[in-house]
Amino acid sequence: MKTIEEYMNDPDIQAMPEYLREIHAARRLIQDETVGMSAEEEAEYHRKKTDELFVSLGLPQPQYVDFSGQGHLEPHETTLSAGKPA
């Protein structure tokens, strides 16, 4: 597997403006690492990478919500009333 530095040295990426090089190198790295993964595998990959980043920064682990098997999300109903609030 290539490192981010190897992607940064790619001729296509080196021709880009400096502020875009790291972004495109990271995008290609992630694309290559996740090719052929199912949606569930890719989601797990991103969770693992996020958890590793939080640990490296000394932050508490993020909390994840699992909406699998619930179909689509229902809109939240909000009741609006005319006039001044009570």
N, C-alpha and C. Protein backbone atom coordinates (compact mmCIF):
# COMPACT_ATOMS: atom_id res chain seq x y z
N MET A 1 0.85 -1.18 0.00
CA MET A 1 0.00 0.00 0.00
C MET A 1 0.90 1.25 0.00
N LYS A 2 0.53 2.20 -0.83
CA LYS A 2 1.31 3.43 -0.95
C LYS A 2 1.06 4.34 0.26
N THR A 3 2.05 5.14 0.58
CA THR A 3 1.91 6.12 1.66
C THR A 3 1.44 7.45 1.08
N ILE A 4 1.02 8.35 1.93
CA ILE A 4 0.58 9.67 1.48
C ILE A 4 1.71 10.40 0.77
N GLU A 5 2.95 10.19 1.23
CA GLU A 5 4.11 10.83 0.59
C GLU A 5 4.29 10.34 -0.84
N GLU A 6 4.05 9.05 -1.05
CA GLU A 6 4.17 8.51 -2.41
C GLU A 6 3.10 9.10 -3.33
N TYR A 7 1.91 9.30 -2.82
CA TYR A 7 0.87 9.94 -3.62
C TYR A 7 1.23 11.40 -3.88
N MET A 8 1.83 12.07 -2.91
CA MET A 8 2.23 13.47 -3.08
C MET A 8 3.27 13.62 -4.18
N ASN A 9 4.08 12.58 -4.40
CA ASN A 9 5.11 12.62 -5.43
C ASN A 9 4.61 12.19 -6.81
N ASP A 10 3.35 11.81 -6.92
CA ASP A 10 2.76 11.44 -8.20
C ASP A 10 2.82 12.66 -9.13
N PRO A 11 3.26 12.48 -10.39
CA PRO A 11 3.37 13.63 -11.30
C PRO A 11 2.06 14.41 -11.48
N ASP A 12 0.92 13.70 -11.52
CA ASP A 12 -0.36 14.41 -11.66
C ASP A 12 -0.63 15.32 -10.47
N ILE A 13 -0.30 14.85 -9.29
CA ILE A 13 -0.54 15.64 -8.07
C ILE A 13 0.50 16.74 -7.93
N GLN A 14 1.73 16.49 -8.33
CA GLN A 14 2.77 17.51 -8.23
C GLN A 14 2.48 18.71 -9.13
N ALA A 15 1.71 18.48 -10.19
CA ALA A 15 1.37 19.58 -11.10
C ALA A 15 0.28 20.48 -10.55
N MET A 16 -0.36 20.07 -9.46
CA MET A 16 -1.46 20.84 -8.87
C MET A 16 -0.92 21.96 -7.99
N PRO A 17 -1.74 22.97 -7.74
CA PRO A 17 -1.34 24.01 -6.79
C PRO A 17 -1.09 23.39 -5.41
N GLU A 18 -0.19 23.97 -4.66
CA GLU A 18 0.22 23.43 -3.36
C GLU A 18 -0.97 23.16 -2.43
N TYR A 19 -1.93 24.07 -2.40
CA TYR A 19 -3.05 23.92 -1.46
C TYR A 19 -3.97 22.75 -1.82
N LEU A 20 -3.86 22.19 -3.02
CA LEU A 20 -4.68 21.05 -3.42
C LEU A 20 -3.95 19.72 -3.35
N ARG A 21 -2.64 19.74 -3.31
CA ARG A 21 -1.87 18.51 -3.41
C ARG A 21 -2.18 17.51 -2.32
N GLU A 22 -2.17 17.94 -1.06
CA GLU A 22 -2.41 17.01 0.04
C GLU A 22 -3.84 16.48 0.01
N ILE A 23 -4.78 17.32 -0.35
CA ILE A 23 -6.18 16.89 -0.42
C ILE A 23 -6.34 15.78 -1.46
N HIS A 24 -5.79 15.98 -2.64
CA HIS A 24 -5.93 14.98 -3.69
C HIS A 24 -5.13 13.72 -3.39
N ALA A 25 -3.98 13.87 -2.75
CA ALA A 25 -3.19 12.70 -2.36
C ALA A 25 -3.98 11.86 -1.36
N ALA A 26 -4.60 12.50 -0.37
CA ALA A 26 -5.39 11.79 0.64
C ALA A 26 -6.61 11.13 -0.01
N ARG A 27 -7.25 11.83 -0.95
CA ARG A 27 -8.41 11.27 -1.64
C ARG A 27 -8.03 10.01 -2.40
N ARG A 28 -6.91 10.03 -3.09
CA ARG A 28 -6.46 8.85 -3.84
C ARG A 28 -6.07 7.71 -2.91
N LEU A 29 -5.45 8.03 -1.80
CA LEU A 29 -5.08 7.00 -0.82
C LEU A 29 -6.34 6.28 -0.32
N ILE A 30 -7.34 7.05 0.08
CA ILE A 30 -8.59 6.47 0.59
C ILE A 30 -9.29 5.68 -0.51
N GLN A 31 -9.31 6.22 -1.72
CA GLN A 31 -9.94 5.53 -2.83
C GLN A 31 -9.28 4.18 -3.09
N ASP A 32 -7.95 4.14 -3.07
CA ASP A 32 -7.24 2.89 -3.29
C ASP A 32 -7.44 1.90 -2.15
N GLU A 33 -7.52 2.40 -0.92
CA GLU A 33 -7.69 1.51 0.24
C GLU A 33 -9.10 0.93 0.32
N THR A 34 -10.08 1.61 -0.25
CA THR A 34 -11.47 1.16 -0.11
C THR A 34 -12.04 0.55 -1.38
N VAL A 35 -11.24 0.42 -2.43
CA VAL A 35 -11.75 -0.14 -3.69
C VAL A 35 -12.22 -1.57 -3.45
N GLY A 36 -13.41 -1.88 -3.95
CA GLY A 36 -13.96 -3.22 -3.82
C GLY A 36 -14.66 -3.51 -2.50
N MET A 37 -14.69 -2.54 -1.59
CA MET A 37 -15.36 -2.75 -0.30
C MET A 37 -16.87 -2.55 -0.46
N SER A 38 -17.62 -3.28 0.34
CA SER A 38 -19.06 -3.03 0.40
C SER A 38 -19.29 -1.75 1.19
N ALA A 39 -20.50 -1.23 1.15
CA ALA A 39 -20.82 -0.02 1.89
C ALA A 39 -20.56 -0.20 3.38
N GLU A 40 -20.90 -1.38 3.91
CA GLU A 40 -20.69 -1.65 5.34
C GLU A 40 -19.20 -1.70 5.67
N GLU A 41 -18.42 -2.33 4.80
CA GLU A 41 -16.97 -2.41 5.03
C GLU A 41 -16.33 -1.03 4.96
N GLU A 42 -16.78 -0.22 4.01
CA GLU A 42 -16.22 1.12 3.89
C GLU A 42 -16.60 1.98 5.11
N ALA A 43 -17.83 1.84 5.59
CA ALA A 43 -18.25 2.58 6.78
C ALA A 43 -17.38 2.17 7.97
N GLU A 44 -17.12 0.88 8.13
CA GLU A 44 -16.27 0.40 9.22
C GLU A 44 -14.85 0.93 9.07
N TYR A 45 -14.33 0.97 7.85
CA TYR A 45 -13.00 1.53 7.56
C TYR A 45 -12.93 2.98 8.05
N HIS A 46 -13.93 3.79 7.70
CA HIS A 46 -13.93 5.21 8.09
C HIS A 46 -14.09 5.37 9.60
N ARG A 47 -14.91 4.52 10.23
CA ARG A 47 -15.04 4.57 11.70
C ARG A 47 -13.70 4.27 12.36
N LYS A 48 -13.01 3.25 11.86
CA LYS A 48 -11.72 2.87 12.44
C LYS A 48 -10.71 4.00 12.28
N LYS A 49 -10.64 4.61 11.10
CA LYS A 49 -9.71 5.72 10.87
C LYS A 49 -10.05 6.92 11.76
N THR A 50 -11.35 7.18 11.93
CA THR A 50 -11.78 8.28 12.80
C THR A 50 -11.40 8.00 14.25
N ASP A 51 -11.63 6.77 14.70
CA ASP A 51 -11.26 6.40 16.07
C ASP A 51 -9.76 6.56 16.28
N GLU A 52 -8.95 6.14 15.30
CA GLU A 52 -7.49 6.27 15.41
C GLU A 52 -7.09 7.74 15.49
N LEU A 53 -7.74 8.60 14.70
CA LEU A 53 -7.43 10.02 14.74
C LEU A 53 -7.77 10.62 16.11
N PHE A 54 -8.94 10.29 16.65
CA PHE A 54 -9.34 10.80 17.95
C PHE A 54 -8.36 10.37 19.03
N VAL A 55 -7.93 9.11 18.99
CA VAL A 55 -6.95 8.61 19.97
C VAL A 55 -5.64 9.38 19.84
N SER A 56 -5.18 9.58 18.59
CA SER A 56 -3.91 10.28 18.39
C SER A 56 -3.96 11.72 18.87
N LEU A 57 -5.16 12.33 18.86
CA LEU A 57 -5.31 13.71 19.33
C LEU A 57 -5.68 13.80 20.81
N GLY A 58 -5.85 12.63 21.45
CA GLY A 58 -6.21 12.61 22.87
C GLY A 58 -7.65 13.03 23.13
N LEU A 59 -8.52 12.83 22.15
CA LEU A 59 -9.92 13.20 22.30
C LEU A 59 -10.76 11.99 22.69
N PRO A 60 -11.92 12.20 23.33
CA PRO A 60 -12.79 11.07 23.65
C PRO A 60 -13.33 10.46 22.36
N GLN A 61 -13.60 9.16 22.41
CA GLN A 61 -14.10 8.45 21.24
C GLN A 61 -15.44 9.03 20.79
N PRO A 62 -15.64 9.19 19.48
CA PRO A 62 -16.94 9.68 19.00
C PRO A 62 -18.02 8.63 19.20
N GLN A 63 -19.25 9.09 19.33
CA GLN A 63 -20.40 8.20 19.47
C GLN A 63 -21.05 8.08 18.11
N TYR A 64 -21.36 6.85 17.70
CA TYR A 64 -21.95 6.62 16.39
C TYR A 64 -23.41 6.19 16.53
N VAL A 65 -24.22 6.55 15.55
CA VAL A 65 -25.62 6.17 15.50
C VAL A 65 -25.78 5.18 14.36
N ASP A 66 -26.50 4.08 14.63
CA ASP A 66 -26.73 3.06 13.62
C ASP A 66 -28.19 3.11 13.19
N PHE A 67 -28.42 3.53 11.97
CA PHE A 67 -29.78 3.62 11.44
C PHE A 67 -30.12 2.42 10.56
N SER A 68 -29.30 1.40 10.57
CA SER A 68 -29.54 0.27 9.68
C SER A 68 -30.85 -0.43 10.05
N GLY A 69 -31.55 -0.88 9.03
CA GLY A 69 -32.79 -1.60 9.24
C GLY A 69 -33.98 -0.74 9.59
N GLN A 70 -33.82 0.57 9.58
CA GLN A 70 -34.93 1.44 9.96
C GLN A 70 -35.59 2.11 8.76
N GLY A 71 -35.21 1.73 7.55
CA GLY A 71 -35.80 2.38 6.38
C GLY A 71 -35.30 3.81 6.27
N HIS A 72 -36.20 4.72 6.07
CA HIS A 72 -35.80 6.12 5.94
C HIS A 72 -36.14 6.88 7.21
N LEU A 73 -35.50 8.01 7.38
CA LEU A 73 -35.74 8.83 8.57
C LEU A 73 -37.06 9.59 8.41
N GLU A 74 -37.80 9.68 9.47
CA GLU A 74 -39.05 10.42 9.48
C GLU A 74 -38.76 11.88 9.81
N PRO A 75 -39.44 12.82 9.13
CA PRO A 75 -39.24 14.22 9.47
C PRO A 75 -39.79 14.52 10.86
N HIS A 76 -39.11 15.39 11.56
CA HIS A 76 -39.55 15.80 12.89
C HIS A 76 -40.69 16.80 12.74
N GLU A 77 -41.79 16.54 13.44
CA GLU A 77 -42.92 17.46 13.35
C GLU A 77 -42.75 18.60 14.34
N THR A 78 -42.88 19.80 13.85
CA THR A 78 -42.77 21.00 14.68
C THR A 78 -44.10 21.73 14.63
N THR A 79 -44.61 22.08 15.78
CA THR A 79 -45.86 22.82 15.85
C THR A 79 -45.54 24.30 15.97
N LEU A 80 -46.04 25.06 15.03
CA LEU A 80 -45.84 26.51 15.05
C LEU A 80 -47.16 27.15 15.44
N SER A 81 -47.06 28.20 16.24
CA SER A 81 -48.27 28.91 16.60
C SER A 81 -48.08 30.39 16.29
N ALA A 82 -49.17 31.02 15.94
CA ALA A 82 -49.12 32.45 15.64
C ALA A 82 -49.18 33.23 16.94
N GLY A 83 -48.60 34.38 16.93
CA GLY A 83 -48.64 35.22 18.13
C GLY A 83 -47.41 35.08 18.98
N LYS A 84 -47.48 35.66 20.17
CA LYS A 84 -46.33 35.67 21.07
C LYS A 84 -46.24 34.35 21.81
N PRO A 85 -45.01 33.91 22.09
CA PRO A 85 -44.86 32.69 22.88
C PRO A 85 -45.36 32.92 24.30
N ALA A 86 -45.88 31.87 24.90
CA ALA A 86 -46.42 31.96 26.27
C ALA A 86 -45.33 32.04 27.30
